[in-house]
mmCIF file of all heavy atoms, coordinates in Angstrom:
data_MODEL
# 
_entry.id   MODEL 
# 
loop_
_atom_site.group_PDB 
_atom_site.id 
_atom_site.type_symbol 
_atom_site.label_atom_id 
_atom_site.label_alt_id 
_atom_site.label_comp_id 
_atom_site.label_asym_id 
_atom_site.label_entity_id 
_atom_site.label_seq_id 
_atom_site.pdbx_PDB_ins_code 
_atom_site.Cartn_x 
_atom_site.Cartn_y 
_atom_site.Cartn_z 
_atom_site.occupancy 
_atom_site.B_iso_or_equiv 
_atom_site.pdbx_formal_charge 
_atom_site.auth_seq_id 
_atom_site.auth_comp_id 
_atom_site.auth_asym_id 
_atom_site.auth_atom_id 
_atom_site.pdbx_PDB_model_num 
ATOM 1   N N   . ILE A 1 1  ? 111.766 65.926 214.715 1.00 0.00 ? 1  ILE A N   1 
ATOM 2   C CA  . ILE A 1 1  ? 111.951 66.380 216.121 1.00 0.00 ? 1  ILE A CA  1 
ATOM 3   C C   . ILE A 1 1  ? 110.732 67.197 216.552 1.00 0.00 ? 1  ILE A C   1 
ATOM 4   O O   . ILE A 1 1  ? 110.212 67.003 217.716 1.00 0.00 ? 1  ILE A O   1 
ATOM 5   C CB  . ILE A 1 1  ? 113.290 67.183 216.230 1.00 0.00 ? 1  ILE A CB  1 
ATOM 6   C CG1 . ILE A 1 1  ? 114.452 66.243 216.053 1.00 0.00 ? 1  ILE A CG1 1 
ATOM 7   C CG2 . ILE A 1 1  ? 113.315 67.846 217.599 1.00 0.00 ? 1  ILE A CG2 1 
ATOM 8   C CD1 . ILE A 1 1  ? 115.803 66.985 215.917 1.00 0.00 ? 1  ILE A CD1 1 
ATOM 9   N N   . ILE A 1 2  ? 110.262 68.064 215.716 1.00 0.00 ? 2  ILE A N   1 
ATOM 10  C CA  . ILE A 1 2  ? 109.085 68.906 216.060 1.00 0.00 ? 2  ILE A CA  1 
ATOM 11  C C   . ILE A 1 2  ? 107.870 68.000 216.297 1.00 0.00 ? 2  ILE A C   1 
ATOM 12  O O   . ILE A 1 2  ? 107.099 68.231 217.248 1.00 0.00 ? 2  ILE A O   1 
ATOM 13  C CB  . ILE A 1 2  ? 108.800 69.922 214.955 1.00 0.00 ? 2  ILE A CB  1 
ATOM 14  C CG1 . ILE A 1 2  ? 109.915 70.988 214.946 1.00 0.00 ? 2  ILE A CG1 1 
ATOM 15  C CG2 . ILE A 1 2  ? 107.451 70.567 215.154 1.00 0.00 ? 2  ILE A CG2 1 
ATOM 16  C CD1 . ILE A 1 2  ? 109.815 71.954 213.753 1.00 0.00 ? 2  ILE A CD1 1 
ATOM 17  N N   . ALA A 1 3  ? 107.724 66.993 215.465 1.00 0.00 ? 3  ALA A N   1 
ATOM 18  C CA  . ALA A 1 3  ? 106.571 66.080 215.614 1.00 0.00 ? 3  ALA A CA  1 
ATOM 19  C C   . ALA A 1 3  ? 106.665 65.302 216.975 1.00 0.00 ? 3  ALA A C   1 
ATOM 20  O O   . ALA A 1 3  ? 105.652 65.143 217.636 1.00 0.00 ? 3  ALA A O   1 
ATOM 21  C CB  . ALA A 1 3  ? 106.539 65.112 214.449 1.00 0.00 ? 3  ALA A CB  1 
ATOM 22  N N   . TYR A 1 4  ? 107.902 64.858 217.330 1.00 0.00 ? 4  TYR A N   1 
ATOM 23  C CA  . TYR A 1 4  ? 108.021 64.172 218.595 1.00 0.00 ? 4  TYR A CA  1 
ATOM 24  C C   . TYR A 1 4  ? 107.749 65.070 219.769 1.00 0.00 ? 4  TYR A C   1 
ATOM 25  O O   . TYR A 1 4  ? 107.099 64.679 220.746 1.00 0.00 ? 4  TYR A O   1 
ATOM 26  C CB  . TYR A 1 4  ? 109.383 63.572 218.669 1.00 0.00 ? 4  TYR A CB  1 
ATOM 27  C CG  . TYR A 1 4  ? 109.581 62.272 217.880 1.00 0.00 ? 4  TYR A CG  1 
ATOM 28  C CD1 . TYR A 1 4  ? 110.781 62.052 217.186 1.00 0.00 ? 4  TYR A CD1 1 
ATOM 29  C CD2 . TYR A 1 4  ? 108.583 61.315 217.805 1.00 0.00 ? 4  TYR A CD2 1 
ATOM 30  C CE1 . TYR A 1 4  ? 110.952 60.877 216.455 1.00 0.00 ? 4  TYR A CE1 1 
ATOM 31  C CE2 . TYR A 1 4  ? 108.771 60.146 217.110 1.00 0.00 ? 4  TYR A CE2 1 
ATOM 32  C CZ  . TYR A 1 4  ? 109.962 59.940 216.449 1.00 0.00 ? 4  TYR A CZ  1 
ATOM 33  O OH  . TYR A 1 4  ? 110.127 58.791 215.721 1.00 0.00 ? 4  TYR A OH  1 
ATOM 34  N N   . VAL A 1 5  ? 108.286 66.289 219.725 1.00 0.00 ? 5  VAL A N   1 
ATOM 35  C CA  . VAL A 1 5  ? 108.079 67.240 220.835 1.00 0.00 ? 5  VAL A CA  1 
ATOM 36  C C   . VAL A 1 5  ? 106.604 67.523 220.966 1.00 0.00 ? 5  VAL A C   1 
ATOM 37  O O   . VAL A 1 5  ? 106.053 67.549 222.107 1.00 0.00 ? 5  VAL A O   1 
ATOM 38  C CB  . VAL A 1 5  ? 108.891 68.483 220.575 1.00 0.00 ? 5  VAL A CB  1 
ATOM 39  C CG1 . VAL A 1 5  ? 108.534 69.599 221.613 1.00 0.00 ? 5  VAL A CG1 1 
ATOM 40  C CG2 . VAL A 1 5  ? 110.361 68.211 220.648 1.00 0.00 ? 5  VAL A CG2 1 
ATOM 41  N N   . ALA A 1 6  ? 105.902 67.780 219.864 1.00 0.00 ? 6  ALA A N   1 
ATOM 42  C CA  . ALA A 1 6  ? 104.489 68.057 219.904 1.00 0.00 ? 6  ALA A CA  1 
ATOM 43  C C   . ALA A 1 6  ? 103.678 66.847 220.457 1.00 0.00 ? 6  ALA A C   1 
ATOM 44  O O   . ALA A 1 6  ? 102.690 67.046 221.186 1.00 0.00 ? 6  ALA A O   1 
ATOM 45  C CB  . ALA A 1 6  ? 103.963 68.431 218.545 1.00 0.00 ? 6  ALA A CB  1 
ATOM 46  N N   . GLN A 1 7  ? 104.115 65.691 220.111 1.00 0.00 ? 7  GLN A N   1 
ATOM 47  C CA  . GLN A 1 7  ? 103.393 64.476 220.552 1.00 0.00 ? 7  GLN A CA  1 
ATOM 48  C C   . GLN A 1 7  ? 103.553 64.186 222.054 1.00 0.00 ? 7  GLN A C   1 
ATOM 49  O O   . GLN A 1 7  ? 102.550 63.837 222.733 1.00 0.00 ? 7  GLN A O   1 
ATOM 50  C CB  . GLN A 1 7  ? 103.855 63.270 219.739 1.00 0.00 ? 7  GLN A CB  1 
ATOM 51  C CG  . GLN A 1 7  ? 103.244 61.925 220.134 1.00 0.00 ? 7  GLN A CG  1 
ATOM 52  C CD  . GLN A 1 7  ? 101.765 61.864 219.863 1.00 0.00 ? 7  GLN A CD  1 
ATOM 53  O OE1 . GLN A 1 7  ? 101.206 62.622 219.084 1.00 0.00 ? 7  GLN A OE1 1 
ATOM 54  N NE2 . GLN A 1 7  ? 101.099 60.930 220.544 1.00 0.00 ? 7  GLN A NE2 1 
ATOM 55  N N   . TYR A 1 8  ? 104.750 64.326 222.551 1.00 0.00 ? 8  TYR A N   1 
ATOM 56  C CA  . TYR A 1 8  ? 105.041 63.904 223.932 1.00 0.00 ? 8  TYR A CA  1 
ATOM 57  C C   . TYR A 1 8  ? 105.112 65.080 224.933 1.00 0.00 ? 8  TYR A C   1 
ATOM 58  O O   . TYR A 1 8  ? 105.260 64.841 226.134 1.00 0.00 ? 8  TYR A O   1 
ATOM 59  C CB  . TYR A 1 8  ? 106.350 63.134 223.983 1.00 0.00 ? 8  TYR A CB  1 
ATOM 60  C CG  . TYR A 1 8  ? 106.296 61.872 223.169 1.00 0.00 ? 8  TYR A CG  1 
ATOM 61  C CD1 . TYR A 1 8  ? 107.113 61.724 222.047 1.00 0.00 ? 8  TYR A CD1 1 
ATOM 62  C CD2 . TYR A 1 8  ? 105.392 60.845 223.412 1.00 0.00 ? 8  TYR A CD2 1 
ATOM 63  C CE1 . TYR A 1 8  ? 107.055 60.585 221.258 1.00 0.00 ? 8  TYR A CE1 1 
ATOM 64  C CE2 . TYR A 1 8  ? 105.334 59.710 222.668 1.00 0.00 ? 8  TYR A CE2 1 
ATOM 65  C CZ  . TYR A 1 8  ? 106.134 59.560 221.566 1.00 0.00 ? 8  TYR A CZ  1 
ATOM 66  O OH  . TYR A 1 8  ? 106.105 58.449 220.772 1.00 0.00 ? 8  TYR A OH  1 
ATOM 67  N N   . LEU A 1 9  ? 104.979 66.325 224.475 1.00 0.00 ? 9  LEU A N   1 
ATOM 68  C CA  . LEU A 1 9  ? 105.049 67.445 225.387 1.00 0.00 ? 9  LEU A CA  1 
ATOM 69  C C   . LEU A 1 9  ? 103.910 67.527 226.366 1.00 0.00 ? 9  LEU A C   1 
ATOM 70  O O   . LEU A 1 9  ? 104.118 67.819 227.553 1.00 0.00 ? 9  LEU A O   1 
ATOM 71  C CB  . LEU A 1 9  ? 105.172 68.736 224.603 1.00 0.00 ? 9  LEU A CB  1 
ATOM 72  C CG  . LEU A 1 9  ? 105.422 70.009 225.402 1.00 0.00 ? 9  LEU A CG  1 
ATOM 73  C CD1 . LEU A 1 9  ? 106.754 69.905 226.192 1.00 0.00 ? 9  LEU A CD1 1 
ATOM 74  C CD2 . LEU A 1 9  ? 105.435 71.256 224.519 1.00 0.00 ? 9  LEU A CD2 1 
ATOM 75  N N   . PRO A 1 10 ? 102.655 67.291 225.939 1.00 0.00 ? 10 PRO A N   1 
ATOM 76  C CA  . PRO A 1 10 ? 101.553 67.408 226.958 1.00 0.00 ? 10 PRO A CA  1 
ATOM 77  C C   . PRO A 1 10 ? 101.721 66.520 228.195 1.00 0.00 ? 10 PRO A C   1 
ATOM 78  O O   . PRO A 1 10 ? 101.569 67.006 229.346 1.00 0.00 ? 10 PRO A O   1 
ATOM 79  C CB  . PRO A 1 10 ? 100.313 67.007 226.134 1.00 0.00 ? 10 PRO A CB  1 
ATOM 80  C CG  . PRO A 1 10 ? 100.663 67.363 224.700 1.00 0.00 ? 10 PRO A CG  1 
ATOM 81  C CD  . PRO A 1 10 ? 102.123 67.022 224.596 1.00 0.00 ? 10 PRO A CD  1 
ATOM 82  N N   . PHE A 1 11 ? 102.048 65.253 227.975 1.00 0.00 ? 11 PHE A N   1 
ATOM 83  C CA  . PHE A 1 11 ? 102.216 64.412 229.142 1.00 0.00 ? 11 PHE A CA  1 
ATOM 84  C C   . PHE A 1 11 ? 103.379 64.844 230.025 1.00 0.00 ? 11 PHE A C   1 
ATOM 85  O O   . PHE A 1 11 ? 103.307 64.816 231.254 1.00 0.00 ? 11 PHE A O   1 
ATOM 86  C CB  . PHE A 1 11 ? 102.404 62.932 228.716 1.00 0.00 ? 11 PHE A CB  1 
ATOM 87  C CG  . PHE A 1 11 ? 102.793 62.019 229.829 1.00 0.00 ? 11 PHE A CG  1 
ATOM 88  C CD1 . PHE A 1 11 ? 101.857 61.654 230.768 1.00 0.00 ? 11 PHE A CD1 1 
ATOM 89  C CD2 . PHE A 1 11 ? 104.073 61.513 229.939 1.00 0.00 ? 11 PHE A CD2 1 
ATOM 90  C CE1 . PHE A 1 11 ? 102.188 60.809 231.806 1.00 0.00 ? 11 PHE A CE1 1 
ATOM 91  C CE2 . PHE A 1 11 ? 104.420 60.661 230.979 1.00 0.00 ? 11 PHE A CE2 1 
ATOM 92  C CZ  . PHE A 1 11 ? 103.468 60.343 231.912 1.00 0.00 ? 11 PHE A CZ  1 
ATOM 93  N N   . THR A 1 12 ? 104.499 65.269 229.355 1.00 0.00 ? 12 THR A N   1 
ATOM 94  C CA  . THR A 1 12 ? 105.667 65.684 230.120 1.00 0.00 ? 12 THR A CA  1 
ATOM 95  C C   . THR A 1 12 ? 105.391 66.957 230.926 1.00 0.00 ? 12 THR A C   1 
ATOM 96  O O   . THR A 1 12 ? 105.770 67.078 232.085 1.00 0.00 ? 12 THR A O   1 
ATOM 97  C CB  . THR A 1 12 ? 106.834 65.942 229.147 1.00 0.00 ? 12 THR A CB  1 
ATOM 98  O OG1 . THR A 1 12 ? 106.974 64.813 228.290 1.00 0.00 ? 12 THR A OG1 1 
ATOM 99  C CG2 . THR A 1 12 ? 108.149 66.084 229.907 1.00 0.00 ? 12 THR A CG2 1 
ATOM 100 N N   . VAL A 1 13 ? 104.627 67.874 230.290 1.00 0.00 ? 13 VAL A N   1 
ATOM 101 C CA  . VAL A 1 13 ? 104.231 69.121 231.033 1.00 0.00 ? 13 VAL A CA  1 
ATOM 102 C C   . VAL A 1 13 ? 103.358 68.784 232.220 1.00 0.00 ? 13 VAL A C   1 
ATOM 103 O O   . VAL A 1 13 ? 103.494 69.296 233.330 1.00 0.00 ? 13 VAL A O   1 
ATOM 104 C CB  . VAL A 1 13 ? 103.494 70.089 230.082 1.00 0.00 ? 13 VAL A CB  1 
ATOM 105 C CG1 . VAL A 1 13 ? 102.920 71.267 230.893 1.00 0.00 ? 13 VAL A CG1 1 
ATOM 106 C CG2 . VAL A 1 13 ? 104.514 70.648 229.070 1.00 0.00 ? 13 VAL A CG2 1 
ATOM 107 N N   . TYR A 1 14 ? 102.388 67.876 231.988 1.00 0.00 ? 14 TYR A N   1 
ATOM 108 C CA  . TYR A 1 14 ? 101.483 67.461 233.063 1.00 0.00 ? 14 TYR A CA  1 
ATOM 109 C C   . TYR A 1 14 ? 102.256 66.855 234.214 1.00 0.00 ? 14 TYR A C   1 
ATOM 110 O O   . TYR A 1 14 ? 102.024 67.171 235.402 1.00 0.00 ? 14 TYR A O   1 
ATOM 111 C CB  . TYR A 1 14 ? 100.446 66.481 232.533 1.00 0.00 ? 14 TYR A CB  1 
ATOM 112 C CG  . TYR A 1 14 ? 99.720  65.713 233.615 1.00 0.00 ? 14 TYR A CG  1 
ATOM 113 C CD1 . TYR A 1 14 ? 98.706  66.337 234.342 1.00 0.00 ? 14 TYR A CD1 1 
ATOM 114 C CD2 . TYR A 1 14 ? 100.022 64.377 233.913 1.00 0.00 ? 14 TYR A CD2 1 
ATOM 115 C CE1 . TYR A 1 14 ? 98.044  65.669 235.387 1.00 0.00 ? 14 TYR A CE1 1 
ATOM 116 C CE2 . TYR A 1 14 ? 99.363  63.710 234.902 1.00 0.00 ? 14 TYR A CE2 1 
ATOM 117 C CZ  . TYR A 1 14 ? 98.397  64.350 235.633 1.00 0.00 ? 14 TYR A CZ  1 
ATOM 118 O OH  . TYR A 1 14 ? 97.744  63.669 236.620 1.00 0.00 ? 14 TYR A OH  1 
ATOM 119 N N   . PHE A 1 15 ? 103.222 65.965 233.919 1.00 0.00 ? 15 PHE A N   1 
ATOM 120 C CA  . PHE A 1 15 ? 103.977 65.309 234.932 1.00 0.00 ? 15 PHE A CA  1 
ATOM 121 C C   . PHE A 1 15 ? 104.828 66.310 235.697 1.00 0.00 ? 15 PHE A C   1 
ATOM 122 O O   . PHE A 1 15 ? 104.863 66.284 236.961 1.00 0.00 ? 15 PHE A O   1 
ATOM 123 C CB  . PHE A 1 15 ? 104.874 64.228 234.308 1.00 0.00 ? 15 PHE A CB  1 
ATOM 124 C CG  . PHE A 1 15 ? 105.559 63.357 235.323 1.00 0.00 ? 15 PHE A CG  1 
ATOM 125 C CD1 . PHE A 1 15 ? 104.944 62.150 235.728 1.00 0.00 ? 15 PHE A CD1 1 
ATOM 126 C CD2 . PHE A 1 15 ? 106.793 63.676 235.831 1.00 0.00 ? 15 PHE A CD2 1 
ATOM 127 C CE1 . PHE A 1 15 ? 105.564 61.345 236.683 1.00 0.00 ? 15 PHE A CE1 1 
ATOM 128 C CE2 . PHE A 1 15 ? 107.408 62.862 236.772 1.00 0.00 ? 15 PHE A CE2 1 
ATOM 129 C CZ  . PHE A 1 15 ? 106.794 61.706 237.177 1.00 0.00 ? 15 PHE A CZ  1 
ATOM 130 N N   . MET A 1 16 ? 105.521 67.248 234.992 1.00 0.00 ? 16 MET A N   1 
ATOM 131 C CA  . MET A 1 16 ? 106.340 68.232 235.668 1.00 0.00 ? 16 MET A CA  1 
ATOM 132 C C   . MET A 1 16 ? 105.537 69.166 236.493 1.00 0.00 ? 16 MET A C   1 
ATOM 133 O O   . MET A 1 16 ? 105.927 69.619 237.577 1.00 0.00 ? 16 MET A O   1 
ATOM 134 C CB  . MET A 1 16 ? 107.216 68.977 234.667 1.00 0.00 ? 16 MET A CB  1 
ATOM 135 C CG  . MET A 1 16 ? 108.256 68.093 233.919 1.00 0.00 ? 16 MET A CG  1 
ATOM 136 S SD  . MET A 1 16 ? 109.302 67.110 235.029 1.00 0.00 ? 16 MET A SD  1 
ATOM 137 C CE  . MET A 1 16 ? 110.012 68.400 236.029 1.00 0.00 ? 16 MET A CE  1 
ATOM 138 N N   . THR A 1 17 ? 104.339 69.541 236.035 1.00 0.00 ? 17 THR A N   1 
ATOM 139 C CA  . THR A 1 17 ? 103.467 70.430 236.833 1.00 0.00 ? 17 THR A CA  1 
ATOM 140 C C   . THR A 1 17 ? 103.035 69.776 238.095 1.00 0.00 ? 17 THR A C   1 
ATOM 141 O O   . THR A 1 17 ? 103.042 70.376 239.181 1.00 0.00 ? 17 THR A O   1 
ATOM 142 C CB  . THR A 1 17 ? 102.227 70.795 235.982 1.00 0.00 ? 17 THR A CB  1 
ATOM 143 O OG1 . THR A 1 17 ? 102.634 71.431 234.756 1.00 0.00 ? 17 THR A OG1 1 
ATOM 144 C CG2 . THR A 1 17 ? 101.339 71.778 236.767 1.00 0.00 ? 17 THR A CG2 1 
ATOM 145 N N   . SER A 1 18 ? 102.714 68.461 238.000 1.00 0.00 ? 18 SER A N   1 
ATOM 146 C CA  . SER A 1 18 ? 102.308 67.738 239.209 1.00 0.00 ? 18 SER A CA  1 
ATOM 147 C C   . SER A 1 18 ? 103.421 67.648 240.194 1.00 0.00 ? 18 SER A C   1 
ATOM 148 O O   . SER A 1 18 ? 103.257 67.818 241.410 1.00 0.00 ? 18 SER A O   1 
ATOM 149 C CB  . SER A 1 18 ? 101.831 66.335 238.811 1.00 0.00 ? 18 SER A CB  1 
ATOM 150 O OG  . SER A 1 18 ? 100.702 66.405 237.970 1.00 0.00 ? 18 SER A OG  1 
ATOM 151 N N   . TYR A 1 19 ? 104.648 67.432 239.678 1.00 0.00 ? 19 TYR A N   1 
ATOM 152 C CA  . TYR A 1 19 ? 105.819 67.295 240.551 1.00 0.00 ? 19 TYR A CA  1 
ATOM 153 C C   . TYR A 1 19 ? 106.146 68.614 241.221 1.00 0.00 ? 19 TYR A C   1 
ATOM 154 O O   . TYR A 1 19 ? 106.364 68.725 242.450 1.00 0.00 ? 19 TYR A O   1 
ATOM 155 C CB  . TYR A 1 19 ? 107.037 66.769 239.786 1.00 0.00 ? 19 TYR A CB  1 
ATOM 156 C CG  . TYR A 1 19 ? 108.186 66.429 240.670 1.00 0.00 ? 19 TYR A CG  1 
ATOM 157 C CD1 . TYR A 1 19 ? 108.361 65.184 241.246 1.00 0.00 ? 19 TYR A CD1 1 
ATOM 158 C CD2 . TYR A 1 19 ? 109.159 67.411 240.967 1.00 0.00 ? 19 TYR A CD2 1 
ATOM 159 C CE1 . TYR A 1 19 ? 109.440 64.880 242.046 1.00 0.00 ? 19 TYR A CE1 1 
ATOM 160 C CE2 . TYR A 1 19 ? 110.245 67.123 241.769 1.00 0.00 ? 19 TYR A CE2 1 
ATOM 161 C CZ  . TYR A 1 19 ? 110.361 65.824 242.318 1.00 0.00 ? 19 TYR A CZ  1 
ATOM 162 O OH  . TYR A 1 19 ? 111.405 65.561 243.128 1.00 0.00 ? 19 TYR A OH  1 
ATOM 163 N N   . TYR A 1 20 ? 106.154 69.679 240.419 1.00 0.00 ? 20 TYR A N   1 
ATOM 164 C CA  . TYR A 1 20 ? 106.573 71.004 240.956 1.00 0.00 ? 20 TYR A CA  1 
ATOM 165 C C   . TYR A 1 20 ? 105.488 71.529 241.899 1.00 0.00 ? 20 TYR A C   1 
ATOM 166 O O   . TYR A 1 20 ? 105.806 72.390 242.729 1.00 0.00 ? 20 TYR A O   1 
ATOM 167 C CB  . TYR A 1 20 ? 106.730 71.987 239.804 1.00 0.00 ? 20 TYR A CB  1 
ATOM 168 C CG  . TYR A 1 20 ? 108.019 71.804 239.052 1.00 0.00 ? 20 TYR A CG  1 
ATOM 169 C CD1 . TYR A 1 20 ? 108.159 72.221 237.694 1.00 0.00 ? 20 TYR A CD1 1 
ATOM 170 C CD2 . TYR A 1 20 ? 109.160 71.300 239.673 1.00 0.00 ? 20 TYR A CD2 1 
ATOM 171 C CE1 . TYR A 1 20 ? 109.334 72.084 237.031 1.00 0.00 ? 20 TYR A CE1 1 
ATOM 172 C CE2 . TYR A 1 20 ? 110.386 71.181 239.031 1.00 0.00 ? 20 TYR A CE2 1 
ATOM 173 C CZ  . TYR A 1 20 ? 110.448 71.566 237.678 1.00 0.00 ? 20 TYR A CZ  1 
ATOM 174 O OH  . TYR A 1 20 ? 111.627 71.439 237.009 1.00 0.00 ? 20 TYR A OH  1 
ATOM 175 N N   . SER A 1 21 ? 104.259 71.068 241.826 1.00 0.00 ? 21 SER A N   1 
ATOM 176 C CA  . SER A 1 21 ? 103.217 71.503 242.756 1.00 0.00 ? 21 SER A CA  1 
ATOM 177 C C   . SER A 1 21 ? 103.525 71.110 244.193 1.00 0.00 ? 21 SER A C   1 
ATOM 178 O O   . SER A 1 21 ? 103.045 71.738 245.125 1.00 0.00 ? 21 SER A O   1 
ATOM 179 C CB  . SER A 1 21 ? 101.852 70.902 242.340 1.00 0.00 ? 21 SER A CB  1 
ATOM 180 O OG  . SER A 1 21 ? 101.458 71.378 241.063 1.00 0.00 ? 21 SER A OG  1 
ATOM 181 N N   . GLY A 1 22 ? 104.346 70.104 244.365 1.00 0.00 ? 22 GLY A N   1 
ATOM 182 C CA  . GLY A 1 22 ? 104.738 69.671 245.724 1.00 0.00 ? 22 GLY A CA  1 
ATOM 183 C C   . GLY A 1 22 ? 105.928 70.474 246.286 1.00 0.00 ? 22 GLY A C   1 
ATOM 184 O O   . GLY A 1 22 ? 106.263 70.277 247.445 1.00 0.00 ? 22 GLY A O   1 
ATOM 185 N N   . ILE A 1 23 ? 106.534 71.335 245.496 1.00 0.00 ? 23 ILE A N   1 
ATOM 186 C CA  . ILE A 1 23 ? 107.635 72.189 245.996 1.00 0.00 ? 23 ILE A CA  1 
ATOM 187 C C   . ILE A 1 23 ? 107.027 73.404 246.680 1.00 0.00 ? 23 ILE A C   1 
ATOM 188 O O   . ILE A 1 23 ? 106.211 74.130 246.065 1.00 0.00 ? 23 ILE A O   1 
ATOM 189 C CB  . ILE A 1 23 ? 108.546 72.572 244.847 1.00 0.00 ? 23 ILE A CB  1 
ATOM 190 C CG1 . ILE A 1 23 ? 109.188 71.336 244.237 1.00 0.00 ? 23 ILE A CG1 1 
ATOM 191 C CG2 . ILE A 1 23 ? 109.631 73.543 245.331 1.00 0.00 ? 23 ILE A CG2 1 
ATOM 192 C CD1 . ILE A 1 23 ? 110.089 71.614 243.050 1.00 0.00 ? 23 ILE A CD1 1 
ATOM 193 N N   . PRO A 1 24 ? 107.382 73.724 247.929 1.00 0.00 ? 24 PRO A N   1 
ATOM 194 C CA  . PRO A 1 24 ? 106.797 74.841 248.629 1.00 0.00 ? 24 PRO A CA  1 
ATOM 195 C C   . PRO A 1 24 ? 107.043 76.171 247.907 1.00 0.00 ? 24 PRO A C   1 
ATOM 196 O O   . PRO A 1 24 ? 108.141 76.417 247.372 1.00 0.00 ? 24 PRO A O   1 
ATOM 197 C CB  . PRO A 1 24 ? 107.539 74.828 249.997 1.00 0.00 ? 24 PRO A CB  1 
ATOM 198 C CG  . PRO A 1 24 ? 108.044 73.435 250.127 1.00 0.00 ? 24 PRO A CG  1 
ATOM 199 C CD  . PRO A 1 24 ? 108.339 72.951 248.773 1.00 0.00 ? 24 PRO A CD  1 
ATOM 200 N N   . ARG A 1 25 ? 106.007 76.971 247.881 1.00 0.00 ? 25 ARG A N   1 
ATOM 201 C CA  . ARG A 1 25 ? 106.136 78.287 247.221 1.00 0.00 ? 25 ARG A CA  1 
ATOM 202 C C   . ARG A 1 25 ? 107.129 79.197 247.988 1.00 0.00 ? 25 ARG A C   1 
ATOM 203 O O   . ARG A 1 25 ? 107.667 80.138 247.413 1.00 0.00 ? 25 ARG A O   1 
ATOM 204 C CB  . ARG A 1 25 ? 104.769 78.963 247.159 1.00 0.00 ? 25 ARG A CB  1 
ATOM 205 C CG  . ARG A 1 25 ? 103.820 78.297 246.144 1.00 0.00 ? 25 ARG A CG  1 
ATOM 206 C CD  . ARG A 1 25 ? 102.476 79.006 246.153 1.00 0.00 ? 25 ARG A CD  1 
ATOM 207 N NE  . ARG A 1 25 ? 101.571 78.405 245.174 1.00 0.00 ? 25 ARG A NE  1 
ATOM 208 C CZ  . ARG A 1 25 ? 101.472 78.778 243.918 1.00 0.00 ? 25 ARG A CZ  1 
ATOM 209 N NH1 . ARG A 1 25 ? 102.232 79.767 243.450 1.00 0.00 ? 25 ARG A NH1 1 
ATOM 210 N NH2 . ARG A 1 25 ? 100.632 78.183 243.077 1.00 0.00 ? 25 ARG A NH2 1 
# 
């Protein structure tokens, strides 16, 4: 589980950051 989280976390963080950037502050 740790290996999977480490492997796929960067892309997931990037995607969520991009999405949340469109939410008004």
